[in-house]
N, C-alpha and C. Protein backbone atom coordinates (compact mmCIF):
# COMPACT_ATOMS: atom_id res chain seq x y z
N MET A 1 115.19 82.75 115.14
CA MET A 1 114.00 83.28 114.53
C MET A 1 113.52 82.28 113.47
N SER A 2 112.23 82.01 113.48
CA SER A 2 111.68 81.03 112.55
C SER A 2 111.60 81.60 111.14
N GLN A 3 111.44 80.70 110.18
CA GLN A 3 111.34 81.11 108.78
C GLN A 3 110.10 81.99 108.55
N ALA A 4 109.00 81.67 109.23
CA ALA A 4 107.78 82.45 109.07
C ALA A 4 107.99 83.89 109.56
N MET A 5 108.67 84.05 110.69
CA MET A 5 108.93 85.40 111.20
C MET A 5 109.89 86.16 110.28
N MET A 6 110.87 85.45 109.75
CA MET A 6 111.81 86.10 108.82
C MET A 6 111.07 86.58 107.57
N ASN A 7 110.17 85.76 107.04
CA ASN A 7 109.37 86.17 105.88
C ASN A 7 108.50 87.37 106.20
N MET A 8 107.97 87.42 107.41
CA MET A 8 107.15 88.56 107.81
C MET A 8 107.97 89.85 107.80
N TRP A 9 109.16 89.83 108.37
CA TRP A 9 109.99 91.02 108.42
C TRP A 9 110.46 91.44 107.03
N ILE A 10 110.76 90.46 106.18
CA ILE A 10 111.15 90.77 104.81
C ILE A 10 109.99 91.41 104.06
N SER A 11 108.78 90.90 104.26
CA SER A 11 107.62 91.50 103.58
C SER A 11 107.33 92.90 104.12
N PHE A 12 107.58 93.16 105.40
CA PHE A 12 107.43 94.51 105.94
C PHE A 12 108.43 95.46 105.29
N PHE A 13 109.65 94.98 105.05
CA PHE A 13 110.66 95.78 104.37
C PHE A 13 110.19 96.13 102.95
N ALA A 14 109.60 95.15 102.27
CA ALA A 14 109.08 95.39 100.92
C ALA A 14 107.95 96.41 100.96
N LEU A 15 107.10 96.33 101.95
CA LEU A 15 106.01 97.30 102.09
C LEU A 15 106.56 98.71 102.33
N ALA A 16 107.60 98.81 103.14
CA ALA A 16 108.22 100.11 103.38
C ALA A 16 108.83 100.66 102.10
N LEU A 17 109.44 99.79 101.29
CA LEU A 17 109.98 100.23 100.01
C LEU A 17 108.88 100.75 99.10
N MET A 18 107.71 100.14 99.16
CA MET A 18 106.59 100.62 98.33
C MET A 18 106.14 102.01 98.77
N PHE A 19 106.08 102.24 100.07
CA PHE A 19 105.71 103.57 100.58
C PHE A 19 106.76 104.61 100.20
N ILE A 20 108.04 104.25 100.31
CA ILE A 20 109.11 105.16 99.92
C ILE A 20 109.01 105.48 98.44
N SER A 21 108.72 104.47 97.65
CA SER A 21 108.58 104.68 96.21
C SER A 21 107.44 105.64 95.89
N ALA A 22 106.30 105.44 96.50
CA ALA A 22 105.15 106.32 96.25
C ALA A 22 105.45 107.74 96.71
N GLY A 23 106.04 107.88 97.89
CA GLY A 23 106.38 109.21 98.40
C GLY A 23 107.38 109.92 97.53
N ALA A 24 108.40 109.21 97.07
CA ALA A 24 109.42 109.82 96.21
C ALA A 24 108.82 110.24 94.88
N ALA A 25 107.93 109.43 94.33
CA ALA A 25 107.31 109.77 93.05
C ALA A 25 106.43 111.01 93.18
N ILE A 26 105.63 111.06 94.22
CA ILE A 26 104.76 112.22 94.43
C ILE A 26 105.60 113.48 94.67
N PHE A 27 106.63 113.35 95.49
CA PHE A 27 107.50 114.50 95.78
C PHE A 27 108.19 115.00 94.53
N SER A 28 108.71 114.08 93.73
CA SER A 28 109.44 114.53 92.54
C SER A 28 108.51 115.15 91.50
N ARG A 29 107.30 114.64 91.39
CA ARG A 29 106.37 115.21 90.40
C ARG A 29 105.85 116.58 90.81
N THR A 30 105.71 116.82 92.11
CA THR A 30 105.12 118.08 92.56
C THR A 30 106.15 119.16 92.90
N LYS A 31 107.32 118.78 93.38
CA LYS A 31 108.26 119.77 93.90
C LYS A 31 109.54 119.94 93.08
N LEU A 32 109.90 118.96 92.26
CA LEU A 32 111.19 119.00 91.59
C LEU A 32 111.05 119.23 90.09
N LYS A 33 112.11 119.71 89.50
CA LYS A 33 112.17 119.92 88.05
C LYS A 33 113.55 119.50 87.55
N GLY A 34 113.63 119.19 86.27
CA GLY A 34 114.92 118.94 85.64
C GLY A 34 115.47 117.56 85.93
N ILE A 35 116.80 117.51 85.97
CA ILE A 35 117.50 116.23 86.12
C ILE A 35 117.29 115.62 87.51
N ILE A 36 117.12 116.46 88.52
CA ILE A 36 116.87 115.94 89.87
C ILE A 36 115.55 115.18 89.90
N GLN A 37 114.55 115.67 89.19
CA GLN A 37 113.26 114.97 89.13
C GLN A 37 113.44 113.59 88.52
N LYS A 38 114.22 113.51 87.46
CA LYS A 38 114.46 112.23 86.79
C LYS A 38 115.20 111.26 87.70
N ILE A 39 116.17 111.77 88.45
CA ILE A 39 116.94 110.91 89.36
C ILE A 39 116.04 110.36 90.46
N VAL A 40 115.21 111.21 91.05
CA VAL A 40 114.31 110.77 92.12
C VAL A 40 113.26 109.80 91.58
N LEU A 41 112.77 110.04 90.37
CA LEU A 41 111.82 109.10 89.77
C LEU A 41 112.48 107.76 89.47
N ALA A 42 113.74 107.77 89.05
CA ALA A 42 114.47 106.52 88.82
C ALA A 42 114.65 105.77 90.14
N PHE A 43 114.98 106.49 91.21
CA PHE A 43 115.10 105.88 92.53
C PHE A 43 113.77 105.26 92.95
N SER A 44 112.68 105.97 92.70
CA SER A 44 111.35 105.47 93.03
C SER A 44 111.05 104.19 92.26
N PHE A 45 111.39 104.17 90.99
CA PHE A 45 111.16 102.99 90.16
C PHE A 45 111.97 101.80 90.65
N VAL A 46 113.22 102.04 91.02
CA VAL A 46 114.07 100.96 91.53
C VAL A 46 113.50 100.41 92.83
N CYS A 47 113.06 101.29 93.72
CA CYS A 47 112.45 100.83 94.98
C CYS A 47 111.22 99.97 94.71
N LEU A 48 110.40 100.39 93.76
CA LEU A 48 109.19 99.64 93.44
C LEU A 48 109.53 98.27 92.84
N MET A 49 110.53 98.22 91.99
CA MET A 49 110.92 96.94 91.37
C MET A 49 111.50 95.98 92.41
N VAL A 50 112.34 96.49 93.30
CA VAL A 50 112.92 95.64 94.35
C VAL A 50 111.81 95.12 95.26
N ALA A 51 110.87 95.97 95.63
CA ALA A 51 109.75 95.54 96.47
C ALA A 51 108.92 94.48 95.77
N GLY A 52 108.68 94.67 94.48
CA GLY A 52 107.91 93.69 93.73
C GLY A 52 108.60 92.34 93.66
N ILE A 53 109.91 92.34 93.47
CA ILE A 53 110.66 91.08 93.43
C ILE A 53 110.62 90.40 94.79
N ILE A 54 110.77 91.17 95.86
CA ILE A 54 110.73 90.58 97.21
C ILE A 54 109.36 89.96 97.46
N VAL A 55 108.30 90.67 97.16
CA VAL A 55 106.95 90.15 97.39
C VAL A 55 106.72 88.90 96.54
N PHE A 56 107.17 88.93 95.28
CA PHE A 56 107.02 87.77 94.41
C PHE A 56 107.72 86.55 95.01
N LEU A 57 108.94 86.72 95.50
CA LEU A 57 109.68 85.60 96.07
C LEU A 57 109.03 85.07 97.35
N ILE A 58 108.51 85.97 98.17
CA ILE A 58 107.85 85.54 99.41
C ILE A 58 106.58 84.77 99.09
N VAL A 59 105.80 85.25 98.13
CA VAL A 59 104.55 84.58 97.78
C VAL A 59 104.81 83.23 97.10
N ILE A 60 105.77 83.19 96.18
CA ILE A 60 106.10 81.94 95.50
C ILE A 60 106.68 80.92 96.47
N GLY A 61 107.32 81.41 97.54
CA GLY A 61 107.89 80.51 98.55
C GLY A 61 106.84 79.66 99.25
N GLY A 62 105.61 80.10 99.22
CA GLY A 62 104.51 79.33 99.82
C GLY A 62 104.48 79.44 101.32
N PRO A 63 103.58 78.67 101.91
CA PRO A 63 103.42 78.71 103.36
C PRO A 63 104.63 78.09 104.07
N THR A 64 104.85 78.54 105.28
CA THR A 64 105.96 78.01 106.09
C THR A 64 105.38 77.22 107.25
N ALA A 65 106.26 76.51 107.91
CA ALA A 65 105.84 75.70 109.06
C ALA A 65 105.32 76.59 110.18
N THR A 66 104.40 76.09 110.96
CA THR A 66 103.81 76.88 112.04
C THR A 66 104.57 76.71 113.35
N LEU A 67 105.61 75.92 113.38
CA LEU A 67 106.36 75.71 114.63
C LEU A 67 107.27 76.84 114.95
């Protein structure tokens, strides 16, 4: 698998983490209360931070070869 394809799949994983983060945040704010809400919000925040770091590294990595 080429580096460009690997970067594509890694960025898709980051995108999925962003969707999971948004879904968890919405779910915890609307359906949960107490300590469980805080735990799910912390999980959402961690997912968002990991996705942001992945996207940052992919973008800073620059373009890859087209071969």
